[in-house]
C-alpha cells in the first residue's frame, strides 16, 4: 500500500436489467387483433407496446411493456368509455 490508499473490497460490475426482446410480427398481430378499436405498435426505444384509441374524439394512449396487461387495460378503457365513466389512462 502506498500513499495511504486502502481498497474497499472487490469491485463488482453494476447489475444489468433484463431487456424484453422485440415481439415477433405474429405476436404484435395477436395483440392488435385482441385490441379492436386500438392501433397498436411496439416501441423499440421504450421497450413497450403503445395503443392509440380510435374510438374517442380526443387522444387516448396506453403504454405497457406486458402485452397481457395492455390488452386488459384496453378492455377496461373501452368499458369505461362505453358506460360514460371517467377514463384515467
PDB file of N, CA and C in Angstrom:
ATOM      1  N   UNK A   1       0.851  -1.182   0.000  1.00  0.00           N
ATOM      2  CA  UNK A   1       0.000   0.000   0.000  1.00  0.00           C
ATOM      3  C   UNK A   1       0.894   1.241   0.000  1.00  0.00           C
ATOM      4  N   UNK A   2       0.571   2.107  -0.885  1.00  0.00           N
ATOM      5  CA  UNK A   2       1.323   3.344  -0.920  1.00  0.00           C
ATOM      6  C   UNK A   2       0.367   4.516  -0.780  1.00  0.00           C
ATOM      7  N   UNK A   3       0.844   5.580  -0.266  1.00  0.00           N
ATOM      8  CA  UNK A   3       0.118   6.841  -0.117  1.00  0.00           C
ATOM      9  C   UNK A   3      -1.143   6.692   0.732  1.00  0.00           C
ATOM     10  N   UNK A   4      -1.237   5.693   1.576  1.00  0.00           N
ATOM     11  CA  UNK A   4      -2.358   5.552   2.499  1.00  0.00           C
ATOM     12  C   UNK A   4      -3.680   5.204   1.851  1.00  0.00           C
ATOM     13  N   UNK A   5      -3.664   4.614   0.666  1.00  0.00           N
ATOM     14  CA  UNK A   5      -4.907   4.240  -0.007  1.00  0.00           C
ATOM     15  C   UNK A   5      -5.229   2.792   0.339  1.00  0.00           C
ATOM     16  N   UNK A   6      -6.451   2.579   0.794  1.00  0.00           N
ATOM     17  CA  UNK A   6      -6.911   1.233   1.100  1.00  0.00           C
ATOM     18  C   UNK A   6      -8.026   0.853   0.139  1.00  0.00           C
ATOM     19  N   UNK A   7      -7.980  -0.362  -0.328  1.00  0.00           N
ATOM     20  CA  UNK A   7      -9.039  -0.831  -1.205  1.00  0.00           C
ATOM     21  C   UNK A   7     -10.245  -1.224  -0.364  1.00  0.00           C
ATOM     22  N   UNK A   8     -11.423  -0.895  -0.851  1.00  0.00           N
ATOM     23  CA  UNK A   8     -12.667  -1.171  -0.121  1.00  0.00           C
ATOM     24  C   UNK A   8     -13.094  -2.627  -0.279  1.00  0.00           C
ATOM     25  N   UNK A   9     -12.613  -3.312  -1.230  1.00  0.00           N
ATOM     26  CA  UNK A   9     -13.013  -4.690  -1.484  1.00  0.00           C
ATOM     27  C   UNK A   9     -13.125  -4.908  -2.974  1.00  0.00           C
ATOM     28  N   UNK A  10     -13.564  -6.070  -3.353  1.00  0.00           N
ATOM     29  CA  UNK A  10     -13.671  -6.329  -4.798  1.00  0.00           C
ATOM     30  C   UNK A  10     -14.739  -5.439  -5.435  1.00  0.00           C
ATOM     31  N   UNK A  11     -14.460  -5.026  -6.627  1.00  0.00           N
ATOM     32  CA  UNK A  11     -15.386  -4.175  -7.369  1.00  0.00           C
ATOM     33  C   UNK A  11     -16.249  -5.073  -8.244  1.00  0.00           C
ATOM     34  N   UNK A  12     -17.561  -4.920  -8.113  1.00  0.00           N
ATOM     35  CA  UNK A  12     -18.499  -5.701  -8.909  1.00  0.00           C
ATOM     36  C   UNK A  12     -19.110  -4.806  -9.982  1.00  0.00           C
ATOM     37  N   UNK A  13     -19.306  -5.363 -11.180  1.00  0.00           N
ATOM     38  CA  UNK A  13     -19.972  -4.562 -12.216  1.00  0.00           C
ATOM     39  C   UNK A  13     -21.432  -4.336 -11.827  1.00  0.00           C
ATOM     40  N   UNK A  14     -22.029  -3.250 -12.308  1.00  0.00           N
ATOM     41  CA  UNK A  14     -23.436  -2.990 -11.978  1.00  0.00           C
ATOM     42  C   UNK A  14     -24.328  -4.097 -12.525  1.00  0.00           C
ATOM     43  N   UNK A  15     -25.407  -4.357 -11.817  1.00  0.00           N
ATOM     44  CA  UNK A  15     -26.357  -5.372 -12.261  1.00  0.00           C
ATOM     45  C   UNK A  15     -27.025  -4.903 -13.544  1.00  0.00           C
ATOM     46  N   UNK A  16     -27.142  -5.791 -14.485  1.00  0.00           N
ATOM     47  CA  UNK A  16     -27.790  -5.443 -15.757  1.00  0.00           C
ATOM     48  C   UNK A  16     -29.238  -5.874 -15.717  1.00  0.00           C
ATOM     49  N   UNK A  17     -30.067  -5.008 -16.195  1.00  0.00           N
ATOM     50  CA  UNK A  17     -31.506  -5.252 -16.255  1.00  0.00           C
ATOM     51  C   UNK A  17     -31.806  -6.085 -17.494  1.00  0.00           C
ATOM     52  N   UNK A  18     -32.693  -7.062 -17.336  1.00  0.00           N
ATOM     53  CA  UNK A  18     -33.109  -7.870 -18.476  1.00  0.00           C
ATOM     54  C   UNK A  18     -33.915  -6.996 -19.437  1.00  0.00           C
ATOM     55  N   UNK A  19     -33.621  -7.103 -20.700  1.00  0.00           N
ATOM     56  CA  UNK A  19     -34.324  -6.324 -21.720  1.00  0.00           C
ATOM     57  C   UNK A  19     -35.276  -7.264 -22.453  1.00  0.00           C
ATOM     58  N   UNK A  20     -36.522  -6.854 -22.518  1.00  0.00           N
ATOM     59  CA  UNK A  20     -37.525  -7.659 -23.220  1.00  0.00           C
ATOM     60  C   UNK A  20     -37.184  -7.688 -24.705  1.00  0.00           C
ATOM     61  N   UNK A  21     -37.250  -8.872 -25.306  1.00  0.00           N
ATOM     62  CA  UNK A  21     -36.984  -8.938 -26.748  1.00  0.00           C
ATOM     63  C   UNK A  21     -38.123  -8.302 -27.541  1.00  0.00           C
ATOM     64  N   UNK A  22     -37.815  -7.883 -28.753  1.00  0.00           N
ATOM     65  CA  UNK A  22     -38.864  -7.358 -29.630  1.00  0.00           C
ATOM     66  C   UNK A  22     -39.858  -8.476 -29.919  1.00  0.00           C
ATOM     67  N   UNK A  23     -41.144  -8.152 -29.957  1.00  0.00           N
ATOM     68  CA  UNK A  23     -42.128  -9.183 -30.292  1.00  0.00           C
ATOM     69  C   UNK A  23     -42.016  -9.558 -31.774  1.00  0.00           C
ATOM     70  N   UNK A  24     -42.380 -10.777 -32.070  1.00  0.00           N
ATOM     71  CA  UNK A  24     -42.394 -11.199 -33.475  1.00  0.00           C
ATOM     72  C   UNK A  24     -43.575 -10.507 -34.163  1.00  0.00           C
ATOM     73  N   UNK A  25     -43.566 -10.453 -35.484  1.00  0.00           N
ATOM     74  CA  UNK A  25     -44.723  -9.880 -36.190  1.00  0.00           C
ATOM     75  C   UNK A  25     -46.027 -10.597 -35.837  1.00  0.00           C
ATOM     76  N   UNK A  26     -45.948 -11.902 -35.610  1.00  0.00           N
ATOM     77  CA  UNK A  26     -47.138 -12.664 -35.244  1.00  0.00           C
ATOM     78  C   UNK A  26     -47.638 -12.268 -33.850  1.00  0.00           C
ATOM     79  N   UNK A  27     -46.703 -12.058 -32.910  1.00  0.00           N
ATOM     80  CA  UNK A  27     -47.096 -11.633 -31.559  1.00  0.00           C
ATOM     81  C   UNK A  27     -47.762 -10.262 -31.599  1.00  0.00           C
ATOM     82  N   UNK A  28     -47.180  -9.337 -32.356  1.00  0.00           N
ATOM     83  CA  UNK A  28     -47.762  -7.999 -32.464  1.00  0.00           C
ATOM     84  C   UNK A  28     -49.139  -8.064 -33.120  1.00  0.00           C
ATOM     85  N   UNK A  29     -49.279  -8.899 -34.143  1.00  0.00           N
ATOM     86  CA  UNK A  29     -50.578  -9.051 -34.809  1.00  0.00           C
ATOM     87  C   UNK A  29     -51.619  -9.623 -33.855  1.00  0.00           C
ATOM     88  N   UNK A  30     -51.207 -10.537 -32.972  1.00  0.00           N
ATOM     89  CA  UNK A  30     -52.144 -11.119 -32.000  1.00  0.00           C
ATOM     90  C   UNK A  30     -52.616 -10.068 -31.001  1.00  0.00           C
ATOM     91  N   UNK A  31     -51.708  -9.202 -30.556  1.00  0.00           N
ATOM     92  CA  UNK A  31     -52.096  -8.129 -29.630  1.00  0.00           C
ATOM     93  C   UNK A  31     -53.040  -7.162 -30.336  1.00  0.00           C
ATOM     94  N   UNK A  32     -52.719  -6.810 -31.578  1.00  0.00           N
ATOM     95  CA  UNK A  32     -53.582  -5.906 -32.350  1.00  0.00           C
ATOM     96  C   UNK A  32     -54.969  -6.505 -32.523  1.00  0.00           C
ATOM     97  N   UNK A  33     -55.040  -7.795 -32.819  1.00  0.00           N
ATOM     98  CA  UNK A  33     -56.335  -8.460 -33.011  1.00  0.00           C
ATOM     99  C   UNK A  33     -57.150  -8.484 -31.722  1.00  0.00           C
ATOM    100  N   UNK A  34     -56.472  -8.585 -30.589  1.00  0.00           N
ATOM    101  CA  UNK A  34     -57.166  -8.618 -29.296  1.00  0.00           C
ATOM    102  C   UNK A  34     -57.623  -7.232 -28.858  1.00  0.00           C
ATOM    103  N   UNK A  35     -57.028  -6.212 -29.418  1.00  0.00           N
ATOM    104  CA  UNK A  35     -57.350  -4.830 -29.027  1.00  0.00           C
ATOM    105  C   UNK A  35     -58.086  -4.134 -30.167  1.00  0.00           C
ATOM    106  N   UNK A  36     -59.288  -4.598 -30.448  1.00  0.00           N
ATOM    107  CA  UNK A  36     -60.088  -3.963 -31.507  1.00  0.00           C
ATOM    108  C   UNK A  36     -60.444  -2.543 -31.071  1.00  0.00           C
ATOM    109  N   UNK A  37     -60.369  -1.632 -31.999  1.00  0.00           N
ATOM    110  CA  UNK A  37     -60.634  -0.234 -31.687  1.00  0.00           C
ATOM    111  C   UNK A  37     -59.379   0.515 -31.267  1.00  0.00           C
ATOM    112  N   UNK A  38     -58.250  -0.146 -31.356  1.00  0.00           N
ATOM    113  CA  UNK A  38     -56.968   0.457 -30.987  1.00  0.00           C
ATOM    114  C   UNK A  38     -55.963   0.225 -32.112  1.00  0.00           C
ATOM    115  N   UNK A  39     -55.082   1.171 -32.306  1.00  0.00           N
ATOM    116  CA  UNK A  39     -53.935   0.989 -33.199  1.00  0.00           C
ATOM    117  C   UNK A  39     -52.752   0.687 -32.290  1.00  0.00           C
ATOM    118  N   UNK A  40     -52.196  -0.496 -32.418  1.00  0.00           N
ATOM    119  CA  UNK A  40     -51.140  -0.945 -31.503  1.00  0.00           C
ATOM    120  C   UNK A  40     -49.816  -1.011 -32.236  1.00  0.00           C
ATOM    121  N   UNK A  41     -48.774  -0.551 -31.575  1.00  0.00           N
ATOM    122  CA  UNK A  41     -47.423  -0.627 -32.116  1.00  0.00           C
ATOM    123  C   UNK A  41     -46.455  -1.012 -31.008  1.00  0.00           C
ATOM    124  N   UNK A  42     -45.277  -1.461 -31.381  1.00  0.00           N
ATOM    125  CA  UNK A  42     -44.206  -1.768 -30.435  1.00  0.00           C
ATOM    126  C   UNK A  42     -43.174  -0.658 -30.540  1.00  0.00           C
ATOM    127  N   UNK A  43     -42.824  -0.083 -29.418  1.00  0.00           N
ATOM    128  CA  UNK A  43     -41.813   0.974 -29.387  1.00  0.00           C
ATOM    129  C   UNK A  43     -40.482   0.360 -28.980  1.00  0.00           C
ATOM    130  N   UNK A  44     -39.564   0.259 -29.923  1.00  0.00           N
ATOM    131  CA  UNK A  44     -38.252  -0.328 -29.615  1.00  0.00           C
ATOM    132  C   UNK A  44     -37.482   0.536 -28.627  1.00  0.00           C
ATOM    133  N   UNK A  45     -37.633   1.834 -28.725  1.00  0.00           N
ATOM    134  CA  UNK A  45     -36.903   2.738 -27.842  1.00  0.00           C
ATOM    135  C   UNK A  45     -37.376   2.601 -26.398  1.00  0.00           C
ATOM    136  N   UNK A  46     -38.685   2.535 -26.213  1.00  0.00           N
ATOM    137  CA  UNK A  46     -39.253   2.478 -24.863  1.00  0.00           C
ATOM    138  C   UNK A  46     -39.458   1.053 -24.373  1.00  0.00           C
ATOM    139  N   UNK A  47     -39.291   0.071 -25.279  1.00  0.00           N
ATOM    140  CA  UNK A  47     -39.449  -1.348 -24.938  1.00  0.00           C
ATOM    141  C   UNK A  47     -40.847  -1.610 -24.385  1.00  0.00           C
ATOM    142  N   UNK A  48     -41.851  -1.065 -25.060  1.00  0.00           N
ATOM    143  CA  UNK A  48     -43.233  -1.208 -24.599  1.00  0.00           C
ATOM    144  C   UNK A  48     -44.182  -1.147 -25.792  1.00  0.00           C
ATOM    145  N   UNK A  49     -45.356  -1.707 -25.584  1.00  0.00           N
ATOM    146  CA  UNK A  49     -46.436  -1.585 -26.558  1.00  0.00           C
ATOM    147  C   UNK A  49     -47.121  -0.242 -26.324  1.00  0.00           C
ATOM    148  N   UNK A  50     -47.526   0.403 -27.408  1.00  0.00           N
ATOM    149  CA  UNK A  50     -48.291   1.639 -27.323  1.00  0.00           C
ATOM    150  C   UNK A  50     -49.580   1.430 -28.106  1.00  0.00           C
ATOM    151  N   UNK A  51     -50.707   1.752 -27.465  1.00  0.00           N
ATOM    152  CA  UNK A  51     -52.014   1.598 -28.107  1.00  0.00           C
ATOM    153  C   UNK A  51     -52.689   2.962 -28.187  1.00  0.00           C
ATOM    154  N   UNK A  52     -53.153   3.314 -29.376  1.00  0.00           N
ATOM    155  CA  UNK A  52     -53.844   4.568 -29.625  1.00  0.00           C
ATOM    156  C   UNK A  52     -55.322   4.259 -29.845  1.00  0.00           C
ATOM    157  N   UNK A  53     -56.188   4.866 -29.057  1.00  0.00           N
ATOM    158  CA  UNK A  53     -57.625   4.630 -29.200  1.00  0.00           C
ATOM    159  C   UNK A  53     -58.111   5.243 -30.506  1.00  0.00           C
ATOM    160  N   UNK A  54     -58.922   4.490 -31.236  1.00  0.00           N
ATOM    161  CA  UNK A  54     -59.504   5.001 -32.479  1.00  0.00           C
ATOM    162  C   UNK A  54     -60.994   5.269 -32.318  1.00  0.00           C
ATOM    163  N   UNK A  55     -61.505   5.119 -31.104  1.00  0.00           N
ATOM    164  CA  UNK A  55     -62.946   5.255 -30.860  1.00  0.00           C
ATOM    165  C   UNK A  55     -63.286   6.462 -29.999  1.00  0.00           C
ATOM    166  N   UNK A  56     -62.331   7.344 -29.749  1.00  0.00           N
ATOM    167  CA  UNK A  56     -62.582   8.538 -28.945  1.00  0.00           C
ATOM    168  C   UNK A  56     -62.314   9.788 -29.777  1.00  0.00           C
ATOM    169  N   UNK A  57     -62.973  10.872 -29.402  1.00  0.00           N
ATOM    170  CA  UNK A  57     -62.774  12.133 -30.127  1.00  0.00           C
ATOM    171  C   UNK A  57     -61.394  12.720 -29.824  1.00  0.00           C
ATOM    172  N   UNK A  58     -60.952  12.583 -28.590  1.00  0.00           N
ATOM    173  CA  UNK A  58     -59.653  13.107 -28.188  1.00  0.00           C
ATOM    174  C   UNK A  58     -58.610  12.009 -28.129  1.00  0.00           C
ATOM    175  N   UNK A  59     -57.362  12.406 -27.963  1.00  0.00           N
ATOM    176  CA  UNK A  59     -56.302  11.405 -27.902  1.00  0.00           C
ATOM    177  C   UNK A  59     -56.368  10.581 -26.614  1.00  0.00           C
ATOM    178  N   UNK A  60     -56.165   9.302 -26.763  1.00  0.00           N
ATOM    179  CA  UNK A  60     -56.114   8.392 -25.627  1.00  0.00           C
ATOM    180  C   UNK A  60     -55.052   7.355 -25.953  1.00  0.00           C
ATOM    181  N   UNK A  61     -53.983   7.332 -25.165  1.00  0.00           N
ATOM    182  CA  UNK A  61     -52.829   6.496 -25.455  1.00  0.00           C
ATOM    183  C   UNK A  61     -52.478   5.675 -24.219  1.00  0.00           C
ATOM    184  N   UNK A  62     -52.244   4.386 -24.423  1.00  0.00           N
ATOM    185  CA  UNK A  62     -51.826   3.497 -23.350  1.00  0.00           C
ATOM    186  C   UNK A  62     -50.444   2.939 -23.676  1.00  0.00           C
ATOM    187  N   UNK A  63     -49.613   2.786 -22.665  1.00  0.00           N
ATOM    188  CA  UNK A  63     -48.293   2.185 -22.812  1.00  0.00           C
ATOM    189  C   UNK A  63     -48.135   1.073 -21.799  1.00  0.00           C
ATOM    190  N   UNK A  64     -47.675  -0.070 -22.247  1.00  0.00           N
ATOM    191  CA  UNK A  64     -47.427  -1.213 -21.364  1.00  0.00           C
ATOM    192  C   UNK A  64     -46.338  -2.090 -21.967  1.00  0.00           C
ATOM    193  N   UNK A  65     -45.373  -2.498 -21.161  1.00  0.00           N
ATOM    194  CA  UNK A  65     -44.375  -3.438 -21.674  1.00  0.00           C
ATOM    195  C   UNK A  65     -44.919  -4.868 -21.762  1.00  0.00           C
ATOM    196  N   UNK A  66     -45.936  -5.177 -20.968  1.00  0.00           N
ATOM    197  CA  UNK A  66     -46.509  -6.517 -20.922  1.00  0.00           C
ATOM    198  C   UNK A  66     -47.753  -6.583 -21.806  1.00  0.00           C
ATOM    199  N   UNK A  67     -47.776  -7.441 -22.835  1.00  0.00           N
ATOM    200  CA  UNK A  67     -48.924  -7.474 -23.736  1.00  0.00           C
ATOM    201  C   UNK A  67     -50.226  -7.870 -23.040  1.00  0.00           C
ATOM    202  N   UNK A  68     -50.171  -8.771 -22.083  1.00  0.00           N
ATOM    203  CA  UNK A  68     -51.396  -9.172 -21.369  1.00  0.00           C
ATOM    204  C   UNK A  68     -51.971  -7.997 -20.599  1.00  0.00           C
ATOM    205  N   UNK A  69     -51.113  -7.223 -19.969  1.00  0.00           N
ATOM    206  CA  UNK A  69     -51.571  -6.045 -19.212  1.00  0.00           C
ATOM    207  C   UNK A  69     -52.136  -4.992 -20.167  1.00  0.00           C
ATOM    208  N   UNK A  70     -51.512  -4.812 -21.327  1.00  0.00           N
ATOM    209  CA  UNK A  70     -52.034  -3.852 -22.311  1.00  0.00           C
ATOM    210  C   UNK A  70     -53.437  -4.256 -22.752  1.00  0.00           C
ATOM    211  N   UNK A  71     -53.630  -5.529 -23.061  1.00  0.00           N
ATOM    212  CA  UNK A  71     -54.950  -5.986 -23.503  1.00  0.00           C
ATOM    213  C   UNK A  71     -55.995  -5.773 -22.410  1.00  0.00           C
ATOM    214  N   UNK A  72     -55.621  -6.015 -21.169  1.00  0.00           N
ATOM    215  CA  UNK A  72     -56.545  -5.794 -20.043  1.00  0.00           C
ATOM    216  C   UNK A  72     -56.912  -4.319 -19.924  1.00  0.00           C
ATOM    217  N   UNK A  73     -55.912  -3.458 -20.002  1.00  0.00           N
ATOM    218  CA  UNK A  73     -56.174  -2.015 -19.894  1.00  0.00           C
ATOM    219  C   UNK A  73     -57.037  -1.524 -21.050  1.00  0.00           C
ATOM    220  N   UNK A  74     -56.810  -2.047 -22.261  1.00  0.00           N
ATOM    221  CA  UNK A  74     -57.642  -1.660 -23.408  1.00  0.00           C
ATOM    222  C   UNK A  74     -59.098  -2.015 -23.144  1.00  0.00           C
ATOM    223  N   UNK A  75     -59.342  -3.217 -22.630  1.00  0.00           N
ATOM    224  CA  UNK A  75     -60.725  -3.628 -22.319  1.00  0.00           C
ATOM    225  C   UNK A  75     -61.334  -2.727 -21.239  1.00  0.00           C
ATOM    226  N   UNK A  76     -60.556  -2.407 -20.211  1.00  0.00           N
ATOM    227  CA  UNK A  76     -61.055  -1.554 -19.128  1.00  0.00           C
ATOM    228  C   UNK A  76     -61.423  -0.169 -19.635  1.00  0.00           C
ATOM    229  N   UNK A  77     -60.590   0.406 -20.472  1.00  0.00           N
ATOM    230  CA  UNK A  77     -60.859   1.740 -21.015  1.00  0.00           C
ATOM    231  C   UNK A  77     -62.080   1.712 -21.925  1.00  0.00           C
ATOM    232  N   UNK A  78     -62.178   0.708 -22.787  1.00  0.00           N
ATOM    233  CA  UNK A  78     -63.344   0.619 -23.670  1.00  0.00           C
ATOM    234  C   UNK A  78     -64.633   0.478 -22.864  1.00  0.00           C
ATOM    235  N   UNK A  79     -64.611  -0.305 -21.807  1.00  0.00           N
ATOM    236  CA  UNK A  79     -65.781  -0.460 -20.944  1.00  0.00           C
ATOM    237  C   UNK A  79     -66.148   0.883 -20.305  1.00  0.00           C
ATOM    238  N   UNK A  80     -65.139   1.585 -19.790  1.00  0.00           N
ATOM    239  CA  UNK A  80     -65.397   2.872 -19.130  1.00  0.00           C
ATOM    240  C   UNK A  80     -65.986   3.879 -20.111  1.00  0.00           C
ATOM    241  N   UNK A  81     -65.424   3.954 -21.314  1.00  0.00           N
ATOM    242  CA  UNK A  81     -65.940   4.901 -22.312  1.00  0.00           C
ATOM    243  C   UNK A  81     -67.360   4.526 -22.724  1.00  0.00           C
ATOM    244  N   UNK A  82     -67.613   3.243 -22.914  1.00  0.00           N
ATOM    245  CA  UNK A  82     -68.950   2.797 -23.322  1.00  0.00           C
ATOM    246  C   UNK A  82     -70.005   3.084 -22.264  1.00  0.00           C
ATOM    247  N   UNK A  83     -69.602   3.155 -21.007  1.00  0.00           N
ATOM    248  CA  UNK A  83     -70.538   3.382 -19.916  1.00  0.00           C
ATOM    249  C   UNK A  83     -70.455   4.796 -19.332  1.00  0.00           C
ATOM    250  N   UNK A  84     -69.804   5.697 -20.074  1.00  0.00           N
ATOM    251  CA  UNK A  84     -69.756   7.103 -19.682  1.00  0.00           C
ATOM    252  C   UNK A  84     -68.971   7.381 -18.414  1.00  0.00           C
ATOM    253  N   UNK A  85     -68.051   6.513 -18.073  1.00  0.00           N
ATOM    254  CA  UNK A  85     -67.230   6.722 -16.879  1.00  0.00           C
ATOM    255  C   UNK A  85     -65.977   7.511 -17.242  1.00  0.00           C
ATOM    256  N   UNK A  86     -65.412   8.163 -16.238  1.00  0.00           N
ATOM    257  CA  UNK A  86     -64.181   8.902 -16.445  1.00  0.00           C
ATOM    258  C   UNK A  86     -63.047   7.928 -16.721  1.00  0.00           C
ATOM    259  N   UNK A  87     -62.175   8.293 -17.628  1.00  0.00           N
ATOM    260  CA  UNK A  87     -61.048   7.432 -18.003  1.00  0.00           C
ATOM    261  C   UNK A  87     -59.770   8.089 -17.545  1.00  0.00           C
ATOM    262  N   UNK A  88     -59.011   7.345 -16.780  1.00  0.00           N
ATOM    263  CA  UNK A  88     -57.669   7.789 -16.378  1.00  0.00           C
ATOM    264  C   UNK A  88     -56.698   6.782 -16.954  1.00  0.00           C
ATOM    265  N   UNK A  89     -56.024   7.188 -18.018  1.00  0.00           N
ATOM    266  CA  UNK A  89     -55.119   6.252 -18.699  1.00  0.00           C
ATOM    267  C   UNK A  89     -53.773   6.363 -18.149  1.00  0.00           C
TER     268      UNK A  89
END
